[in-house]
Amino acid sequence: MDIEWSRDFAYAIGLITTDGSLSKDGRHLNFTSKDLDQIQNFAKILSLKNKVGLKSGSYGGEKKYYNLQFGNVKFYRFLLSIGLCPNKSKRLGRLMIPVKYFADFLRGHLDGDGYTYSYWDKRWKSSFMFYTSFVSASKKHLFWIKQKISELYHIEGALRFSGKSTYVLKYAKISSIKLLRKLYYNEKVVCLKRKKFKIQAALGYNI
């Protein structure tokens, strides 16, 4: 594994930030996703050949999540150096992401724990609503993301408590479109195809 910043590497860091975990042993890492496409993108970027397993959710039941476990002391220490840590959910804060690759990191973050949704508001004629949201159990982490998006792209969002032990950073229609165009800056960027297709279908054009 080459530990060197690139667009794809920053995307993988975004995925680890949301759906990855660091073991307390100082060596092993775990990445989980319900999308095989996501697992395959992650493994390809980091040149991982480990077997992909299946696991159930937090409350047991059907094994419907793909899981990739691997060990790499050097990579583990690198992740610590940029601000990630074991049991990171509520401890996460700012990360040391190069400005040049922040959009790629953020796209990985969106593909991990983020989402978009849209609807027609019947209260107003021809009122199409569209939102992009980032989710985290750490308010401090989302506040940092909010600040970086404002600083780098001059796009403003709203940070709120979701009522489910998590916080949501939300961007409305015009801000969403501006931000998504920053994240999907060309057709070849690595991403979760399912989410990109959903965005394009909702907006009615390629982003």
C-alpha atoms as a PDB file:
ATOM      1  CA  MET A   1       0.000   0.000   0.000  1.00  0.00           C
ATOM      2  CA  ASP A   2       1.322   3.414  -0.989  1.00  0.00           C
ATOM      3  CA  ILE A   3       0.611   6.011   1.672  1.00  0.00           C
ATOM      4  CA  GLU A   4       0.676   9.099  -0.480  1.00  0.00           C
ATOM      5  CA  TRP A   5      -1.957  11.772  -0.978  1.00  0.00           C
ATOM      6  CA  SER A   6      -3.852  11.633  -4.245  1.00  0.00           C
ATOM      7  CA  ARG A   7      -7.462  12.232  -5.283  1.00  0.00           C
ATOM      8  CA  ASP A   8      -8.398   8.570  -4.896  1.00  0.00           C
ATOM      9  CA  PHE A   9      -6.459   8.198  -1.638  1.00  0.00           C
ATOM     10  CA  ALA A  10      -8.291  11.217  -0.153  1.00  0.00           C
ATOM     11  CA  TYR A  11     -11.604   9.636  -1.194  1.00  0.00           C
ATOM     12  CA  ALA A  12     -10.632   6.447   0.665  1.00  0.00           C
ATOM     13  CA  ILE A  13      -9.802   8.513   3.766  1.00  0.00           C
ATOM     14  CA  GLY A  14     -13.314   9.966   3.567  1.00  0.00           C
ATOM     15  CA  LEU A  15     -14.730   6.451   3.547  1.00  0.00           C
ATOM     16  CA  ILE A  16     -12.598   5.401   6.522  1.00  0.00           C
ATOM     17  CA  THR A  17     -13.698   8.503   8.425  1.00  0.00           C
ATOM     18  CA  THR A  18     -17.353   7.478   8.143  1.00  0.00           C
ATOM     19  CA  ASP A  19     -17.465   3.685   7.761  1.00  0.00           C
ATOM     20  CA  GLY A  20     -14.057   2.582   8.993  1.00  0.00           C
ATOM     21  CA  SER A  21     -12.785   1.728  12.452  1.00  0.00           C
ATOM     22  CA  LEU A  22      -9.377   1.409  14.039  1.00  0.00           C
ATOM     23  CA  SER A  23      -8.724  -1.460  16.409  1.00  0.00           C
ATOM     24  CA  LYS A  24      -7.125  -0.682  19.767  1.00  0.00           C
ATOM     25  CA  ASP A  25      -4.226  -3.014  18.926  1.00  0.00           C
ATOM     26  CA  GLY A  26      -2.463  -0.328  16.886  1.00  0.00           C
ATOM     27  CA  ARG A  27      -2.458  -2.387  13.704  1.00  0.00           C
ATOM     28  CA  HIS A  28      -5.810  -3.595  12.412  1.00  0.00           C
ATOM     29  CA  LEU A  29      -8.516  -1.671  10.570  1.00  0.00           C
ATOM     30  CA  ASN A  30     -12.021  -2.531   9.502  1.00  0.00           C
ATOM     31  CA  PHE A  31     -14.205  -1.128   6.718  1.00  0.00           C
ATOM     32  CA  THR A  32     -17.909  -1.966   6.428  1.00  0.00           C
ATOM     33  CA  SER A  33     -20.504  -1.052   3.824  1.00  0.00           C
ATOM     34  CA  LYS A  34     -23.815  -2.353   2.528  1.00  0.00           C
ATOM     35  CA  ASP A  35     -22.578  -1.641  -1.011  1.00  0.00           C
ATOM     36  CA  LEU A  36     -20.152  -4.092  -2.616  1.00  0.00           C
ATOM     37  CA  ASP A  37     -19.279  -1.340  -5.101  1.00  0.00           C
ATOM     38  CA  GLN A  38     -18.031   0.749  -2.178  1.00  0.00           C
ATOM     39  CA  ILE A  39     -15.941  -2.081  -0.754  1.00  0.00           C
ATOM     40  CA  GLN A  40     -14.391  -2.767  -4.156  1.00  0.00           C
ATOM     41  CA  ASN A  41     -13.518   0.904  -4.713  1.00  0.00           C
ATOM     42  CA  PHE A  42     -11.915   1.062  -1.274  1.00  0.00           C
ATOM     43  CA  ALA A  43      -9.896  -2.136  -1.782  1.00  0.00           C
ATOM     44  CA  LYS A  44      -8.707  -1.077  -5.239  1.00  0.00           C
ATOM     45  CA  ILE A  45      -7.510   2.337  -4.082  1.00  0.00           C
ATOM     46  CA  LEU A  46      -5.510   0.866  -1.189  1.00  0.00           C
ATOM     47  CA  SER A  47      -4.340  -2.214  -3.153  1.00  0.00           C
ATOM     48  CA  LEU A  48      -5.932  -4.603  -0.657  1.00  0.00           C
ATOM     49  CA  LYS A  49      -6.272  -8.280  -1.518  1.00  0.00           C
ATOM     50  CA  ASN A  50      -7.984  -9.348   1.705  1.00  0.00           C
ATOM     51  CA  LYS A  51     -11.121 -11.464   1.554  1.00  0.00           C
ATOM     52  CA  VAL A  52     -14.410  -9.578   1.768  1.00  0.00           C
ATOM     53  CA  GLY A  53     -16.717 -11.016   4.436  1.00  0.00           C
ATOM     54  CA  LEU A  54     -20.331 -10.507   5.465  1.00  0.00           C
ATOM     55  CA  LYS A  55     -21.634  -9.301   8.809  1.00  0.00           C
ATOM     56  CA  SER A  56     -24.980  -8.488  10.396  1.00  0.00           C
ATOM     57  CA  GLY A  57     -26.031  -5.068  11.678  1.00  0.00           C
ATOM     58  CA  SER A  58     -25.739  -3.739  15.223  1.00  0.00           C
ATOM     59  CA  TYR A  59     -28.776  -5.703  16.350  1.00  0.00           C
ATOM     60  CA  GLY A  60     -27.936  -8.998  14.671  1.00  0.00           C
ATOM     61  CA  GLY A  61     -30.143 -10.638  12.096  1.00  0.00           C
ATOM     62  CA  GLU A  62     -29.364 -11.172   8.435  1.00  0.00           C
ATOM     63  CA  LYS A  63     -25.783 -10.715   7.308  1.00  0.00           C
ATOM     64  CA  LYS A  64     -26.217  -7.922   4.785  1.00  0.00           C
ATOM     65  CA  TYR A  65     -23.123  -5.761   5.263  1.00  0.00           C
ATOM     66  CA  TYR A  66     -19.844  -6.297   3.431  1.00  0.00           C
ATOM     67  CA  ASN A  67     -16.796  -6.203   5.636  1.00  0.00           C
ATOM     68  CA  LEU A  68     -13.084  -5.831   4.914  1.00  0.00           C
ATOM     69  CA  GLN A  69     -10.475  -6.292   7.656  1.00  0.00           C
ATOM     70  CA  PHE A  70      -6.757  -5.720   7.211  1.00  0.00           C
ATOM     71  CA  GLY A  71      -3.623  -4.957   9.189  1.00  0.00           C
ATOM     72  CA  ASN A  72      -1.014  -2.319   8.439  1.00  0.00           C
ATOM     73  CA  VAL A  73       0.928  -0.605  11.231  1.00  0.00           C
ATOM     74  CA  LYS A  74       2.307   2.151   8.988  1.00  0.00           C
ATOM     75  CA  PHE A  75      -1.121   3.043   7.608  1.00  0.00           C
ATOM     76  CA  TYR A  76      -2.656   2.873  11.082  1.00  0.00           C
ATOM     77  CA  ARG A  77      -0.091   5.352  12.396  1.00  0.00           C
ATOM     78  CA  PHE A  78      -0.680   7.606   9.409  1.00  0.00           C
ATOM     79  CA  LEU A  79      -4.402   7.704  10.202  1.00  0.00           C
ATOM     80  CA  LEU A  80      -3.599   8.654  13.802  1.00  0.00           C
ATOM     81  CA  SER A  81      -1.337  11.432  12.549  1.00  0.00           C
ATOM     82  CA  ILE A  82      -4.139  13.077  10.554  1.00  0.00           C
ATOM     83  CA  GLY A  83      -6.657  12.960  13.417  1.00  0.00           C
ATOM     84  CA  LEU A  84      -8.435   9.610  13.260  1.00  0.00           C
ATOM     85  CA  CYS A  85      -8.497   7.347  16.311  1.00  0.00           C
ATOM     86  CA  PRO A  86     -10.103   4.213  17.814  1.00  0.00           C
ATOM     87  CA  ASN A  87     -13.691   4.683  19.072  1.00  0.00           C
ATOM     88  CA  LYS A  88     -13.836   7.813  16.944  1.00  0.00           C
ATOM     89  CA  SER A  89     -17.620   8.267  16.633  1.00  0.00           C
ATOM     90  CA  LYS A  90     -18.026  11.040  19.216  1.00  0.00           C
ATOM     91  CA  ARG A  91     -14.352  11.980  19.562  1.00  0.00           C
ATOM     92  CA  LEU A  92     -13.731  12.952  15.960  1.00  0.00           C
ATOM     93  CA  GLY A  93     -12.722  16.533  15.254  1.00  0.00           C
ATOM     94  CA  ARG A  94     -10.736  18.250  12.536  1.00  0.00           C
ATOM     95  CA  LEU A  95      -8.600  16.160  10.197  1.00  0.00           C
ATOM     96  CA  MET A  96      -5.384  17.037   8.423  1.00  0.00           C
ATOM     97  CA  ILE A  97      -6.628  16.857   4.840  1.00  0.00           C
ATOM     98  CA  PRO A  98      -4.666  18.731   2.150  1.00  0.00           C
ATOM     99  CA  VAL A  99      -6.788  21.518   0.661  1.00  0.00           C
ATOM    100  CA  LYS A 100      -6.021  20.196  -2.834  1.00  0.00           C
ATOM    101  CA  TYR A 101      -7.838  16.950  -2.018  1.00  0.00           C
ATOM    102  CA  PHE A 102     -10.592  18.145   0.299  1.00  0.00           C
ATOM    103  CA  ALA A 103     -13.329  17.716  -2.347  1.00  0.00           C
ATOM    104  CA  ASP A 104     -12.313  14.076  -2.837  1.00  0.00           C
ATOM    105  CA  PHE A 105     -12.258  13.463   0.901  1.00  0.00           C
ATOM    106  CA  LEU A 106     -15.691  15.056   1.218  1.00  0.00           C
ATOM    107  CA  ARG A 107     -17.094  12.927  -1.622  1.00  0.00           C
ATOM    108  CA  GLY A 108     -15.940   9.847   0.284  1.00  0.00           C
ATOM    109  CA  HIS A 109     -17.569  11.247   3.428  1.00  0.00           C
ATOM    110  CA  LEU A 110     -20.834  11.722   1.510  1.00  0.00           C
ATOM    111  CA  ASP A 111     -20.670   8.206   0.053  1.00  0.00           C
ATOM    112  CA  GLY A 112     -20.093   6.852   3.549  1.00  0.00           C
ATOM    113  CA  ASP A 113     -22.559   8.492   5.946  1.00  0.00           C
ATOM    114  CA  GLY A 114     -24.036  11.246   3.806  1.00  0.00           C
ATOM    115  CA  TYR A 115     -27.233  11.328   1.768  1.00  0.00           C
ATOM    116  CA  THR A 116     -29.357  13.424  -0.552  1.00  0.00           C
ATOM    117  CA  TYR A 117     -33.124  13.681  -0.827  1.00  0.00           C
ATOM    118  CA  SER A 118     -35.650  15.661  -2.822  1.00  0.00           C
ATOM    119  CA  TYR A 119     -39.377  16.297  -3.111  1.00  0.00           C
ATOM    120  CA  TRP A 120     -41.962  18.642  -4.573  1.00  0.00           C
ATOM    121  CA  ASP A 121     -43.376  21.024  -1.991  1.00  0.00           C
ATOM    122  CA  LYS A 122     -47.109  21.293  -2.712  1.00  0.00           C
ATOM    123  CA  ARG A 123     -47.389  24.576  -0.827  1.00  0.00           C
ATOM    124  CA  TRP A 124     -45.757  26.430  -3.701  1.00  0.00           C
ATOM    125  CA  LYS A 125     -46.144  26.022  -7.432  1.00  0.00           C
ATOM    126  CA  SER A 126     -43.149  24.435  -9.166  1.00  0.00           C
ATOM    127  CA  SER A 127     -41.208  24.233  -5.900  1.00  0.00           C
ATOM    128  CA  PHE A 128     -38.671  21.420  -6.106  1.00  0.00           C
ATOM    129  CA  MET A 129     -36.708  20.888  -2.901  1.00  0.00           C
ATOM    130  CA  PHE A 130     -33.295  19.195  -2.854  1.00  0.00           C
ATOM    131  CA  TYR A 131     -30.960  18.654   0.107  1.00  0.00           C
ATOM    132  CA  THR A 132     -27.469  17.251   0.693  1.00  0.00           C
ATOM    133  CA  SER A 133     -26.601  16.125   4.219  1.00  0.00           C
ATOM    134  CA  PHE A 134     -23.550  14.886   6.110  1.00  0.00           C
ATOM    135  CA  VAL A 135     -24.053  12.874   9.299  1.00  0.00           C
ATOM    136  CA  SER A 136     -21.837  12.252  12.331  1.00  0.00           C
ATOM    137  CA  ALA A 137     -22.099  11.529  16.043  1.00  0.00           C
ATOM    138  CA  SER A 138     -19.482  14.242  16.532  1.00  0.00           C
ATOM    139  CA  LYS A 139     -20.731  17.827  16.402  1.00  0.00           C
ATOM    140  CA  LYS A 140     -17.136  19.048  16.451  1.00  0.00           C
ATOM    141  CA  HIS A 141     -16.294  17.066  13.318  1.00  0.00           C
ATOM    142  CA  LEU A 142     -19.273  18.369  11.339  1.00  0.00           C
ATOM    143  CA  PHE A 143     -18.565  21.922  12.503  1.00  0.00           C
ATOM    144  CA  TRP A 144     -15.060  21.557  11.082  1.00  0.00           C
ATOM    145  CA  ILE A 145     -16.491  20.322   7.755  1.00  0.00           C
ATOM    146  CA  LYS A 146     -18.956  23.230   7.721  1.00  0.00           C
ATOM    147  CA  GLN A 147     -16.116  25.691   8.270  1.00  0.00           C
ATOM    148  CA  LYS A 148     -13.955  24.135   5.534  1.00  0.00           C
ATOM    149  CA  ILE A 149     -16.791  24.178   2.980  1.00  0.00           C
ATOM    150  CA  SER A 150     -17.450  27.824   3.804  1.00  0.00           C
ATOM    151  CA  GLU A 151     -13.763  28.717   3.652  1.00  0.00           C
ATOM    152  CA  LEU A 152     -12.943  26.858   0.437  1.00  0.00           C
ATOM    153  CA  TYR A 153     -16.160  27.132  -1.571  1.00  0.00           C
ATOM    154  CA  HIS A 154     -18.107  29.999   0.071  1.00  0.00           C
ATOM    155  CA  ILE A 155     -21.106  27.704   0.497  1.00  0.00           C
ATOM    156  CA  GLU A 156     -23.123  27.822   3.719  1.00  0.00           C
ATOM    157  CA  GLY A 157     -25.032  24.993   5.417  1.00  0.00           C
ATOM    158  CA  ALA A 158     -26.970  24.438   8.643  1.00  0.00           C
ATOM    159  CA  LEU A 159     -25.711  22.199  11.472  1.00  0.00           C
ATOM    160  CA  ARG A 160     -28.346  20.665  13.739  1.00  0.00           C
ATOM    161  CA  PHE A 161     -28.849  17.853  16.244  1.00  0.00           C
ATOM    162  CA  SER A 162     -30.911  15.084  14.632  1.00  0.00           C
ATOM    163  CA  GLY A 163     -32.443  13.839  17.885  1.00  0.00           C
ATOM    164  CA  LYS A 164     -30.891  10.382  17.429  1.00  0.00           C
ATOM    165  CA  SER A 165     -27.483  10.920  19.048  1.00  0.00           C
ATOM    166  CA  THR A 166     -26.195  12.270  15.745  1.00  0.00           C
ATOM    167  CA  TYR A 167     -25.741  15.643  14.113  1.00  0.00           C
ATOM    168  CA  VAL A 168     -26.614  16.613  10.560  1.00  0.00           C
ATOM    169  CA  LEU A 169     -24.948  19.219   8.363  1.00  0.00           C
ATOM    170  CA  LYS A 170     -27.500  20.115   5.681  1.00  0.00           C
ATOM    171  CA  TYR A 171     -27.313  22.107   2.453  1.00  0.00           C
ATOM    172  CA  ALA A 172     -30.432  23.298   0.609  1.00  0.00           C
ATOM    173  CA  LYS A 173     -31.004  23.190  -3.143  1.00  0.00           C
ATOM    174  CA  ILE A 174     -28.814  25.979  -4.564  1.00  0.00           C
ATOM    175  CA  SER A 175     -26.026  25.348  -2.071  1.00  0.00           C
ATOM    176  CA  SER A 176     -26.296  21.586  -2.699  1.00  0.00           C
ATOM    177  CA  ILE A 177     -25.894  21.956  -6.443  1.00  0.00           C
ATOM    178  CA  LYS A 178     -22.865  24.226  -6.015  1.00  0.00           C
ATOM    179  CA  LEU A 179     -21.288  21.808  -3.552  1.00  0.00           C
ATOM    180  CA  LEU A 180     -22.026  18.653  -5.557  1.00  0.00           C
ATOM    181  CA  ARG A 181     -20.412  20.201  -8.612  1.00  0.00           C
ATOM    182  CA  LYS A 182     -17.276  20.692  -6.508  1.00  0.00           C
ATOM    183  CA  LEU A 183     -17.332  17.053  -5.394  1.00  0.00           C
ATOM    184  CA  TYR A 184     -18.116  15.502  -8.774  1.00  0.00           C
ATOM    185  CA  TYR A 185     -15.791  17.768 -10.737  1.00  0.00           C
ATOM    186  CA  ASN A 186     -15.475  15.324 -13.646  1.00  0.00           C
ATOM    187  CA  GLU A 187     -17.181  12.156 -14.835  1.00  0.00           C
ATOM    188  CA  LYS A 188     -14.254   9.904 -13.937  1.00  0.00           C
ATOM    189  CA  VAL A 189     -13.983  10.560 -10.193  1.00  0.00           C
ATOM    190  CA  VAL A 190     -14.256   7.441  -8.056  1.00  0.00           C
ATOM    191  CA  CYS A 191     -17.592   7.342  -6.252  1.00  0.00           C
ATOM    192  CA  LEU A 192     -20.504   5.183  -5.180  1.00  0.00           C
ATOM    193  CA  LYS A 193     -22.427   4.898  -8.426  1.00  0.00           C
ATOM    194  CA  ARG A 194     -25.761   4.360  -6.696  1.00  0.00           C
ATOM    195  CA  LYS A 195     -25.612   7.748  -4.964  1.00  0.00           C
ATOM    196  CA  LYS A 196     -24.374   9.598  -8.015  1.00  0.00           C
ATOM    197  CA  PHE A 197     -27.183   8.121 -10.136  1.00  0.00           C
ATOM    198  CA  LYS A 198     -29.745   9.137  -7.516  1.00  0.00           C
ATOM    199  CA  ILE A 199     -28.472  12.719  -7.527  1.00  0.00           C
ATOM    200  CA  GLN A 200     -28.500  12.960 -11.315  1.00  0.00           C
ATOM    201  CA  ALA A 201     -31.960  11.398 -11.540  1.00  0.00           C
ATOM    202  CA  ALA A 202     -33.337  13.888  -9.007  1.00  0.00           C
ATOM    203  CA  LEU A 203     -31.802  16.934 -10.694  1.00  0.00           C
ATOM    204  CA  GLY A 204     -32.507  15.722 -14.223  1.00  0.00           C
ATOM    205  CA  TYR A 205     -28.983  16.341 -15.521  1.00  0.00           C
ATOM    206  CA  ASN A 206     -25.387  15.244 -15.032  1.00  0.00           C
ATOM    207  CA  ILE A 207     -23.601  17.031 -12.216  1.00  0.00           C
END
